[in-house]
């Protein structure tokens, strides 16, 4: 059997077409699952508030002094001078306390996508080199669980009673 005959048999095979369809659905399912995973969003807001108290003292002085000089002459001829200073000055003190607040805020947003702990797979296969493509297609399922970090352990089984274990790594 030539290579061209094998290609023709492969293209005409309904099981091959079903396998391709299953593979396409599987790839679409993985892509949709990856992008619909819930994301963990962490928003960290740091706010700095600085308060300043400013005391404004406004002092106003009004200097008003009245000097009164009284000169008195007695009958015996003595002159008495009396100086009287009256201070009518006023002082106005206006104290104002001003509270000045300066505030700054910094927001940081971090998005982490959840990682899958479990993987499920639909499997299909046929022998390409033993009996040609005319033998029947076997179907199966596979399950994997994240072990540590990027490492997975899993199991799989096929419809022809073939089963196995797997060890994998994601990157």
N, C-alpha and C. Protein backbone atom coordinates (compact mmCIF):
# COMPACT_ATOMS: atom_id res chain seq x y z
N UNK A 1 0.85 -1.17 0.00
CA UNK A 1 0.00 0.00 0.00
C UNK A 1 0.90 1.24 0.00
N UNK A 2 0.63 2.12 -0.94
CA UNK A 2 1.47 3.31 -1.06
C UNK A 2 0.98 4.40 -0.10
N UNK A 3 1.79 5.40 0.01
CA UNK A 3 1.47 6.52 0.89
C UNK A 3 0.24 7.26 0.40
N UNK A 4 0.08 7.40 -0.90
CA UNK A 4 -1.09 8.07 -1.46
C UNK A 4 -2.37 7.29 -1.16
N UNK A 5 -2.32 5.96 -1.22
CA UNK A 5 -3.49 5.14 -0.90
C UNK A 5 -3.87 5.30 0.58
N UNK A 6 -2.87 5.38 1.43
CA UNK A 6 -3.15 5.55 2.88
C UNK A 6 -3.79 6.92 3.13
N UNK A 7 -3.31 7.95 2.44
CA UNK A 7 -3.90 9.29 2.60
C UNK A 7 -5.35 9.29 2.14
N UNK A 8 -5.61 8.61 1.01
CA UNK A 8 -6.98 8.54 0.48
C UNK A 8 -7.89 7.80 1.43
N UNK A 9 -7.43 6.67 1.99
CA UNK A 9 -8.23 5.90 2.95
C UNK A 9 -8.50 6.74 4.20
N UNK A 10 -7.47 7.48 4.62
CA UNK A 10 -7.61 8.32 5.82
C UNK A 10 -8.65 9.41 5.60
N UNK A 11 -8.64 10.05 4.45
CA UNK A 11 -9.60 11.12 4.15
C UNK A 11 -11.01 10.59 3.99
N UNK A 12 -11.16 9.35 3.51
CA UNK A 12 -12.49 8.77 3.31
C UNK A 12 -13.04 8.10 4.57
N UNK A 13 -12.24 7.92 5.57
CA UNK A 13 -12.64 7.19 6.77
C UNK A 13 -13.57 8.04 7.65
N UNK A 14 -14.78 7.53 7.98
CA UNK A 14 -15.67 8.29 8.88
C UNK A 14 -15.13 8.35 10.30
N UNK A 15 -14.40 7.35 10.73
CA UNK A 15 -13.85 7.38 12.09
C UNK A 15 -12.77 8.45 12.20
N UNK A 16 -11.99 8.66 11.15
CA UNK A 16 -10.99 9.72 11.16
C UNK A 16 -11.65 11.09 11.25
N UNK A 17 -12.72 11.25 10.51
CA UNK A 17 -13.45 12.52 10.55
C UNK A 17 -14.04 12.75 11.93
N UNK A 18 -14.56 11.68 12.56
CA UNK A 18 -15.09 11.81 13.93
C UNK A 18 -13.97 12.18 14.90
N UNK A 19 -12.82 11.54 14.70
CA UNK A 19 -11.67 11.84 15.56
C UNK A 19 -11.23 13.28 15.44
N UNK A 20 -11.18 13.77 14.20
CA UNK A 20 -10.81 15.17 14.00
C UNK A 20 -11.83 16.11 14.63
N UNK A 21 -13.10 15.75 14.51
CA UNK A 21 -14.14 16.58 15.11
C UNK A 21 -14.01 16.59 16.63
N UNK A 22 -13.74 15.42 17.22
CA UNK A 22 -13.55 15.35 18.67
C UNK A 22 -12.32 16.15 19.10
N UNK A 23 -11.25 16.05 18.33
CA UNK A 23 -10.05 16.81 18.64
C UNK A 23 -10.33 18.31 18.56
N UNK A 24 -11.05 18.74 17.55
CA UNK A 24 -11.41 20.16 17.42
C UNK A 24 -12.26 20.63 18.58
N UNK A 25 -13.26 19.82 18.97
CA UNK A 25 -14.11 20.19 20.11
C UNK A 25 -13.29 20.25 21.40
N UNK A 26 -12.36 19.34 21.54
CA UNK A 26 -11.52 19.33 22.73
C UNK A 26 -10.67 20.60 22.80
N UNK A 27 -10.06 20.98 21.69
CA UNK A 27 -9.22 22.19 21.67
C UNK A 27 -10.06 23.42 21.96
N UNK A 28 -11.26 23.49 21.40
CA UNK A 28 -12.16 24.62 21.68
C UNK A 28 -12.55 24.64 23.15
N UNK A 29 -12.84 23.47 23.70
CA UNK A 29 -13.20 23.40 25.13
C UNK A 29 -12.08 23.85 26.04
N UNK A 30 -10.86 23.46 25.73
CA UNK A 30 -9.71 23.88 26.55
C UNK A 30 -9.52 25.40 26.45
N UNK A 31 -9.64 25.93 25.24
CA UNK A 31 -9.46 27.38 25.06
C UNK A 31 -10.53 28.16 25.81
N UNK A 32 -11.77 27.73 25.70
CA UNK A 32 -12.87 28.43 26.39
C UNK A 32 -12.68 28.30 27.91
N UNK A 33 -12.30 27.12 28.36
CA UNK A 33 -12.09 26.91 29.80
C UNK A 33 -10.98 27.77 30.36
N UNK A 34 -9.93 27.94 29.59
CA UNK A 34 -8.80 28.74 30.06
C UNK A 34 -9.18 30.20 30.23
N UNK A 35 -9.93 30.72 29.30
CA UNK A 35 -10.26 32.14 29.35
C UNK A 35 -11.49 32.46 30.18
N UNK A 36 -12.21 31.45 30.63
CA UNK A 36 -13.36 31.72 31.50
C UNK A 36 -13.07 31.40 32.95
N UNK A 37 -11.82 31.10 33.27
CA UNK A 37 -11.45 30.86 34.66
C UNK A 37 -11.65 32.14 35.47
N UNK A 38 -12.12 32.01 36.68
CA UNK A 38 -12.25 33.23 37.50
C UNK A 38 -10.87 33.78 37.86
N UNK A 39 -10.77 35.06 37.80
CA UNK A 39 -9.50 35.73 38.10
C UNK A 39 -9.52 36.23 39.54
N UNK A 40 -8.37 36.21 40.17
CA UNK A 40 -8.23 36.76 41.51
C UNK A 40 -7.67 38.17 41.34
N UNK A 41 -8.46 39.15 41.72
CA UNK A 41 -8.06 40.54 41.57
C UNK A 41 -7.82 41.14 42.95
N UNK A 42 -6.63 41.67 43.15
CA UNK A 42 -6.27 42.29 44.43
C UNK A 42 -6.08 43.78 44.16
N UNK A 43 -6.85 44.58 44.88
CA UNK A 43 -6.73 46.04 44.77
C UNK A 43 -6.19 46.56 46.10
N UNK A 44 -5.04 47.19 46.04
CA UNK A 44 -4.40 47.72 47.24
C UNK A 44 -4.38 49.24 47.13
N UNK A 45 -5.02 49.90 48.08
CA UNK A 45 -5.08 51.36 48.07
C UNK A 45 -4.34 51.88 49.29
N UNK A 46 -3.41 52.78 49.05
CA UNK A 46 -2.64 53.39 50.13
C UNK A 46 -2.95 54.88 50.13
N UNK A 47 -3.46 55.36 51.25
CA UNK A 47 -3.83 56.77 51.35
C UNK A 47 -2.98 57.43 52.43
N UNK A 48 -2.35 58.55 52.07
CA UNK A 48 -1.57 59.34 53.03
C UNK A 48 -2.30 60.64 53.27
N UNK A 49 -2.52 60.96 54.53
CA UNK A 49 -3.15 62.22 54.89
C UNK A 49 -2.20 62.97 55.82
N UNK A 50 -1.88 64.19 55.44
CA UNK A 50 -1.01 65.04 56.25
C UNK A 50 -1.83 66.23 56.73
N UNK A 51 -1.89 66.39 58.06
CA UNK A 51 -2.64 67.50 58.65
C UNK A 51 -1.65 68.50 59.21
N UNK A 52 -1.85 69.78 58.88
CA UNK A 52 -1.03 70.85 59.41
C UNK A 52 -1.94 71.85 60.10
N UNK A 53 -1.57 72.22 61.32
CA UNK A 53 -2.29 73.26 62.04
C UNK A 53 -1.46 74.54 61.97
N UNK A 54 -2.04 75.58 61.43
CA UNK A 54 -1.35 76.85 61.27
C UNK A 54 -2.07 77.87 62.16
N UNK A 55 -1.30 78.51 63.06
CA UNK A 55 -1.88 79.51 63.96
C UNK A 55 -1.50 80.89 63.43
N UNK A 56 -2.51 81.68 63.13
CA UNK A 56 -2.31 83.01 62.57
C UNK A 56 -2.73 84.03 63.65
N UNK A 57 -1.74 84.73 64.15
CA UNK A 57 -2.01 85.74 65.19
C UNK A 57 -1.88 87.12 64.55
N UNK A 58 -2.98 87.86 64.61
CA UNK A 58 -3.01 89.21 64.05
C UNK A 58 -3.17 90.18 65.22
N UNK A 59 -2.13 90.94 65.52
CA UNK A 59 -2.15 91.84 66.67
C UNK A 59 -2.17 93.27 66.16
N UNK A 60 -3.15 94.01 66.63
CA UNK A 60 -3.30 95.40 66.20
C UNK A 60 -3.26 96.27 67.46
N UNK A 61 -2.34 97.22 67.45
CA UNK A 61 -2.22 98.12 68.59
C UNK A 61 -2.58 99.54 68.16
N UNK A 62 -3.35 100.18 69.00
CA UNK A 62 -3.74 101.58 68.76
C UNK A 62 -3.21 102.39 69.95
N UNK A 63 -2.18 103.13 69.70
CA UNK A 63 -1.55 103.90 70.78
C UNK A 63 -2.23 105.26 70.89
N UNK A 64 -2.85 105.48 72.03
CA UNK A 64 -3.55 106.74 72.27
C UNK A 64 -3.29 107.16 73.72
N UNK A 65 -2.33 108.06 73.88
CA UNK A 65 -1.99 108.55 75.23
C UNK A 65 -2.38 110.03 75.33
N UNK A 66 -3.02 110.34 76.42
CA UNK A 66 -3.43 111.73 76.68
C UNK A 66 -2.60 112.25 77.85
N UNK A 67 -1.89 113.31 77.58
CA UNK A 67 -1.07 113.91 78.64
C UNK A 67 -1.75 115.21 79.07
N UNK A 68 -2.05 115.26 80.36
CA UNK A 68 -2.74 116.43 80.91
C UNK A 68 -1.82 117.08 81.96
N UNK A 69 -1.47 118.32 81.67
CA UNK A 69 -0.61 119.05 82.60
C UNK A 69 -1.47 120.15 83.25
N UNK A 70 -1.55 120.05 84.55
CA UNK A 70 -2.35 121.03 85.31
C UNK A 70 -1.36 121.89 86.15
N UNK A 71 -1.46 123.20 85.95
CA UNK A 71 -0.62 124.13 86.71
C UNK A 71 -1.52 124.92 87.66
N UNK A 72 -1.18 124.84 88.91
CA UNK A 72 -2.03 125.47 89.93
C UNK A 72 -1.18 126.45 90.75
N UNK A 73 -1.71 127.67 90.89
CA UNK A 73 -1.01 128.68 91.67
C UNK A 73 -1.80 128.88 92.97
N UNK A 74 -1.08 128.75 94.08
CA UNK A 74 -1.70 128.87 95.40
C UNK A 74 -1.72 130.36 95.80
N UNK A 75 -2.41 130.71 96.89
CA UNK A 75 -2.53 132.09 97.37
C UNK A 75 -1.20 132.62 97.89
N UNK A 76 -0.43 131.75 98.33
CA UNK A 76 0.87 132.20 98.85
C UNK A 76 1.90 132.35 97.74
N UNK A 77 1.55 132.02 96.51
CA UNK A 77 2.41 132.25 95.36
C UNK A 77 3.15 131.01 94.89
N UNK A 78 2.90 129.91 95.47
CA UNK A 78 3.57 128.69 95.02
C UNK A 78 2.84 128.12 93.82
N UNK A 79 3.61 127.62 92.92
CA UNK A 79 3.05 127.03 91.70
C UNK A 79 3.24 125.52 91.77
N UNK A 80 2.14 124.81 91.58
CA UNK A 80 2.19 123.35 91.59
C UNK A 80 1.84 122.87 90.19
N UNK A 81 2.73 122.05 89.67
CA UNK A 81 2.52 121.47 88.35
C UNK A 81 2.18 119.99 88.55
N UNK A 82 1.06 119.59 87.97
CA UNK A 82 0.67 118.19 88.03
C UNK A 82 0.56 117.67 86.60
N UNK A 83 1.25 116.57 86.34
CA UNK A 83 1.20 115.95 85.01
C UNK A 83 0.44 114.64 85.15
N UNK A 84 -0.57 114.53 84.38
CA UNK A 84 -1.41 113.33 84.43
C UNK A 84 -1.40 112.71 83.02
N UNK A 85 -0.97 111.44 82.96
CA UNK A 85 -0.93 110.72 81.67
C UNK A 85 -2.01 109.65 81.72
N UNK A 86 -2.94 109.79 80.79
CA UNK A 86 -4.02 108.81 80.68
C UNK A 86 -3.76 107.98 79.42
N UNK A 87 -3.64 106.66 79.60
CA UNK A 87 -3.39 105.76 78.46
C UNK A 87 -4.71 105.19 77.98
N UNK A 88 -5.12 105.60 76.79
CA UNK A 88 -6.36 105.09 76.19
C UNK A 88 -6.04 104.17 75.01
N UNK A 89 -4.89 103.52 75.08
CA UNK A 89 -4.47 102.62 74.01
C UNK A 89 -5.30 101.34 74.05
N UNK A 90 -5.51 100.80 72.88
CA UNK A 90 -6.24 99.53 72.78
C UNK A 90 -5.39 98.54 71.98
N UNK A 91 -5.52 97.29 72.36
CA UNK A 91 -4.82 96.22 71.65
C UNK A 91 -5.85 95.18 71.24
N UNK A 92 -5.91 94.93 69.94
CA UNK A 92 -6.79 93.89 69.40
C UNK A 92 -5.92 92.71 68.99
N UNK A 93 -6.22 91.57 69.55
CA UNK A 93 -5.51 90.34 69.16
C UNK A 93 -6.53 89.40 68.53
N UNK A 94 -6.27 89.06 67.28
CA UNK A 94 -7.16 88.16 66.55
C UNK A 94 -6.35 86.88 66.26
N UNK A 95 -6.74 85.78 66.89
CA UNK A 95 -6.04 84.51 66.69
C UNK A 95 -6.93 83.61 65.84
N UNK A 96 -6.34 83.13 64.77
CA UNK A 96 -7.08 82.24 63.88
C UNK A 96 -6.25 80.97 63.70
N UNK A 97 -6.89 79.82 63.93
CA UNK A 97 -6.22 78.53 63.75
C UNK A 97 -6.77 77.92 62.46
N UNK A 98 -5.87 77.66 61.53
CA UNK A 98 -6.25 77.11 60.24
C UNK A 98 -5.77 75.66 60.17
N UNK A 99 -6.70 74.77 59.82
CA UNK A 99 -6.36 73.35 59.70
C UNK A 99 -6.21 73.04 58.21
N UNK A 100 -4.99 72.71 57.80
CA UNK A 100 -4.69 72.43 56.40
C UNK A 100 -4.46 70.92 56.26
N UNK A 101 -5.22 70.29 55.37
CA UNK A 101 -5.11 68.85 55.16
C UNK A 101 -4.69 68.58 53.72
N UNK A 102 -3.64 67.76 53.58
CA UNK A 102 -3.15 67.36 52.27
C UNK A 102 -3.28 65.85 52.18
N UNK A 103 -3.93 65.36 51.16
CA UNK A 103 -4.19 63.93 51.03
C UNK A 103 -3.72 63.43 49.67
N UNK A 104 -3.05 62.27 49.68
CA UNK A 104 -2.66 61.64 48.43
C UNK A 104 -3.01 60.16 48.49
N UNK A 105 -3.40 59.60 47.36
CA UNK A 105 -3.85 58.22 47.31
C UNK A 105 -3.15 57.50 46.16
N UNK A 106 -2.78 56.24 46.41
CA UNK A 106 -2.11 55.41 45.41
C UNK A 106 -2.82 54.07 45.36
N UNK A 107 -3.30 53.68 44.17
CA UNK A 107 -4.02 52.42 44.01
C UNK A 107 -3.23 51.51 43.09
N UNK A 108 -3.10 50.25 43.52
CA UNK A 108 -2.38 49.26 42.73
C UNK A 108 -3.30 48.06 42.52
N UNK A 109 -3.44 47.64 41.27
CA UNK A 109 -4.34 46.54 40.94
C UNK A 109 -3.52 45.38 40.38
N UNK A 110 -3.68 44.20 40.98
CA UNK A 110 -2.96 43.01 40.55
C UNK A 110 -3.99 41.95 40.17
N UNK A 111 -3.86 41.40 38.97
CA UNK A 111 -4.76 40.35 38.50
C UNK A 111 -3.98 39.05 38.36
N UNK A 112 -4.43 38.01 39.07
CA UNK A 112 -3.81 36.70 38.98
C UNK A 112 -4.87 35.73 38.51
N UNK A 113 -4.59 35.00 37.46
CA UNK A 113 -5.55 34.04 36.95
C UNK A 113 -5.39 32.72 37.68
N UNK A 114 -6.52 32.12 38.00
CA UNK A 114 -6.51 30.86 38.72
C UNK A 114 -5.90 29.77 37.85
N UNK A 115 -5.21 28.84 38.51
CA UNK A 115 -4.60 27.73 37.78
C UNK A 115 -5.47 26.51 37.96
N UNK A 116 -5.54 25.72 36.90
CA UNK A 116 -6.34 24.50 36.96
C UNK A 116 -5.64 23.46 37.82
N UNK A 117 -6.38 22.85 38.72
CA UNK A 117 -5.85 21.74 39.50
C UNK A 117 -6.21 20.40 38.88
N UNK A 118 -7.29 20.35 38.12
CA UNK A 118 -7.74 19.12 37.48
C UNK A 118 -7.81 19.32 35.97
N UNK A 119 -7.45 18.26 35.24
CA UNK A 119 -7.58 18.24 33.78
C UNK A 119 -8.38 17.01 33.40
N UNK A 120 -9.27 17.19 32.46
CA UNK A 120 -10.08 16.08 31.95
C UNK A 120 -9.89 16.05 30.44
N UNK A 121 -9.76 14.87 29.88
CA UNK A 121 -9.54 14.76 28.44
C UNK A 121 -10.40 13.65 27.86
N UNK A 122 -10.91 13.89 26.66
CA UNK A 122 -11.58 12.85 25.87
C UNK A 122 -10.55 12.37 24.85
N UNK A 123 -10.36 11.06 24.77
CA UNK A 123 -9.30 10.50 23.94
C UNK A 123 -9.89 9.64 22.84
N UNK A 124 -9.20 9.59 21.71
CA UNK A 124 -9.58 8.71 20.60
C UNK A 124 -8.30 8.28 19.90
N UNK A 125 -8.31 7.06 19.40
CA UNK A 125 -7.12 6.59 18.73
C UNK A 125 -7.40 5.40 17.84
N UNK A 126 -6.44 5.13 16.95
CA UNK A 126 -6.49 3.97 16.07
C UNK A 126 -5.07 3.59 15.72
N UNK A 127 -4.86 2.39 15.30
CA UNK A 127 -3.52 1.96 14.92
C UNK A 127 -3.20 2.42 13.51
N UNK A 128 -2.13 3.13 13.33
CA UNK A 128 -1.76 3.63 12.02
C UNK A 128 -0.83 2.66 11.29
N UNK A 129 -0.01 1.94 12.02
CA UNK A 129 1.03 1.15 11.37
C UNK A 129 0.80 -0.36 11.48
N UNK A 130 -0.02 -0.85 12.41
CA UNK A 130 -0.19 -2.29 12.59
C UNK A 130 -1.06 -2.89 11.48
N UNK A 131 -2.31 -2.53 11.47
CA UNK A 131 -3.26 -3.11 10.52
C UNK A 131 -3.82 -2.07 9.56
N UNK A 132 -3.19 -0.94 9.50
CA UNK A 132 -3.70 0.12 8.63
C UNK A 132 -4.81 0.88 9.33
N UNK A 133 -5.47 1.75 8.59
CA UNK A 133 -6.51 2.59 9.17
C UNK A 133 -7.86 1.91 9.18
N UNK A 134 -7.92 0.70 8.68
CA UNK A 134 -9.23 0.04 8.61
C UNK A 134 -9.67 -0.53 9.94
N UNK A 135 -8.77 -0.62 10.93
CA UNK A 135 -9.21 -1.16 12.22
C UNK A 135 -10.06 -0.15 12.96
N UNK A 136 -10.77 -0.61 13.94
CA UNK A 136 -11.74 0.25 14.62
C UNK A 136 -11.04 1.29 15.50
N UNK A 137 -11.76 2.36 15.74
CA UNK A 137 -11.28 3.45 16.57
C UNK A 137 -11.63 3.13 18.02
N UNK A 138 -10.70 3.42 18.94
CA UNK A 138 -10.96 3.24 20.37
C UNK A 138 -11.12 4.63 20.98
N UNK A 139 -12.01 4.70 21.95
CA UNK A 139 -12.29 5.95 22.64
C UNK A 139 -11.90 5.80 24.10
N UNK A 140 -11.59 6.91 24.74
CA UNK A 140 -11.21 6.84 26.14
C UNK A 140 -11.34 8.19 26.83
N UNK A 141 -11.02 8.13 28.11
CA UNK A 141 -11.01 9.35 28.92
C UNK A 141 -9.72 9.39 29.71
N UNK A 142 -9.34 10.59 30.11
CA UNK A 142 -8.15 10.77 30.92
C UNK A 142 -8.39 11.85 31.95
N UNK A 143 -7.80 11.68 33.11
CA UNK A 143 -7.92 12.64 34.22
C UNK A 143 -6.53 12.89 34.78
N UNK A 144 -6.24 14.17 35.07
CA UNK A 144 -4.97 14.52 35.69
C UNK A 144 -5.22 15.49 36.84
N UNK A 145 -4.42 15.38 37.89
CA UNK A 145 -4.52 16.24 39.07
C UNK A 145 -3.16 16.88 39.31
N UNK A 146 -3.17 18.20 39.59
CA UNK A 146 -1.91 18.88 39.89
C UNK A 146 -1.34 18.31 41.18
N UNK A 147 -0.08 17.93 41.14
CA UNK A 147 0.58 17.33 42.30
C UNK A 147 1.33 18.41 43.07
N UNK A 148 2.40 18.92 42.51
CA UNK A 148 3.20 19.98 43.12
C UNK A 148 3.66 20.90 42.01
N UNK A 149 3.39 22.19 42.14
CA UNK A 149 3.84 23.14 41.13
C UNK A 149 3.29 22.79 39.76
N UNK A 150 4.16 22.62 38.76
CA UNK A 150 3.68 22.33 37.41
C UNK A 150 3.53 20.83 37.13
N UNK A 151 3.70 19.97 38.12
CA UNK A 151 3.68 18.52 37.90
C UNK A 151 2.29 17.94 38.14
N UNK A 152 1.90 17.01 37.26
CA UNK A 152 0.59 16.36 37.30
C UNK A 152 0.76 14.85 37.37
N UNK A 153 -0.20 14.20 38.01
CA UNK A 153 -0.30 12.74 38.00
C UNK A 153 -1.71 12.42 37.52
N UNK A 154 -1.84 11.34 36.72
CA UNK A 154 -3.16 11.07 36.16
C UNK A 154 -3.35 9.61 35.78
N UNK A 155 -4.53 9.34 35.25
CA UNK A 155 -4.89 8.00 34.79
C UNK A 155 -5.74 8.13 33.54
N UNK A 156 -5.71 7.09 32.70
CA UNK A 156 -6.52 7.10 31.50
C UNK A 156 -6.98 5.68 31.20
N UNK A 157 -8.05 5.59 30.42
CA UNK A 157 -8.57 4.29 30.02
C UNK A 157 -9.25 4.39 28.68
N UNK A 158 -9.19 3.26 27.90
CA UNK A 158 -9.79 3.22 26.57
C UNK A 158 -10.90 2.18 26.50
N UNK A 159 -11.69 2.24 25.46
CA UNK A 159 -12.82 1.33 25.29
C UNK A 159 -12.38 -0.11 24.99
N UNK A 160 -11.14 -0.33 24.62
CA UNK A 160 -10.65 -1.69 24.38
C UNK A 160 -10.02 -2.29 25.64
N UNK A 161 -10.36 -1.74 26.81
CA UNK A 161 -9.93 -2.21 28.13
C UNK A 161 -8.43 -2.00 28.36
N UNK A 162 -7.87 -1.02 27.70
CA UNK A 162 -6.49 -0.63 27.90
C UNK A 162 -6.50 0.56 28.85
N UNK A 163 -5.70 0.52 29.93
CA UNK A 163 -5.66 1.59 30.92
C UNK A 163 -4.21 1.89 31.26
N UNK A 164 -3.98 3.07 31.83
CA UNK A 164 -2.62 3.43 32.19
C UNK A 164 -2.58 4.62 33.14
N UNK A 165 -1.36 4.93 33.56
CA UNK A 165 -1.12 6.08 34.46
C UNK A 165 -0.24 7.06 33.73
N UNK A 166 -0.32 8.32 34.13
CA UNK A 166 0.51 9.34 33.47
C UNK A 166 1.14 10.26 34.49
N UNK A 167 2.26 10.81 34.13
CA UNK A 167 2.96 11.81 34.93
C UNK A 167 3.29 12.92 33.94
N UNK A 168 2.92 14.16 34.25
CA UNK A 168 3.12 15.24 33.30
C UNK A 168 3.58 16.52 33.96
N UNK A 169 3.89 17.49 33.10
CA UNK A 169 4.34 18.78 33.57
C UNK A 169 3.76 19.84 32.63
N UNK A 170 3.28 20.95 33.20
CA UNK A 170 2.79 22.05 32.37
C UNK A 170 3.85 23.14 32.32
N UNK A 171 3.92 23.82 31.20
CA UNK A 171 4.89 24.92 31.04
C UNK A 171 4.36 25.93 30.08
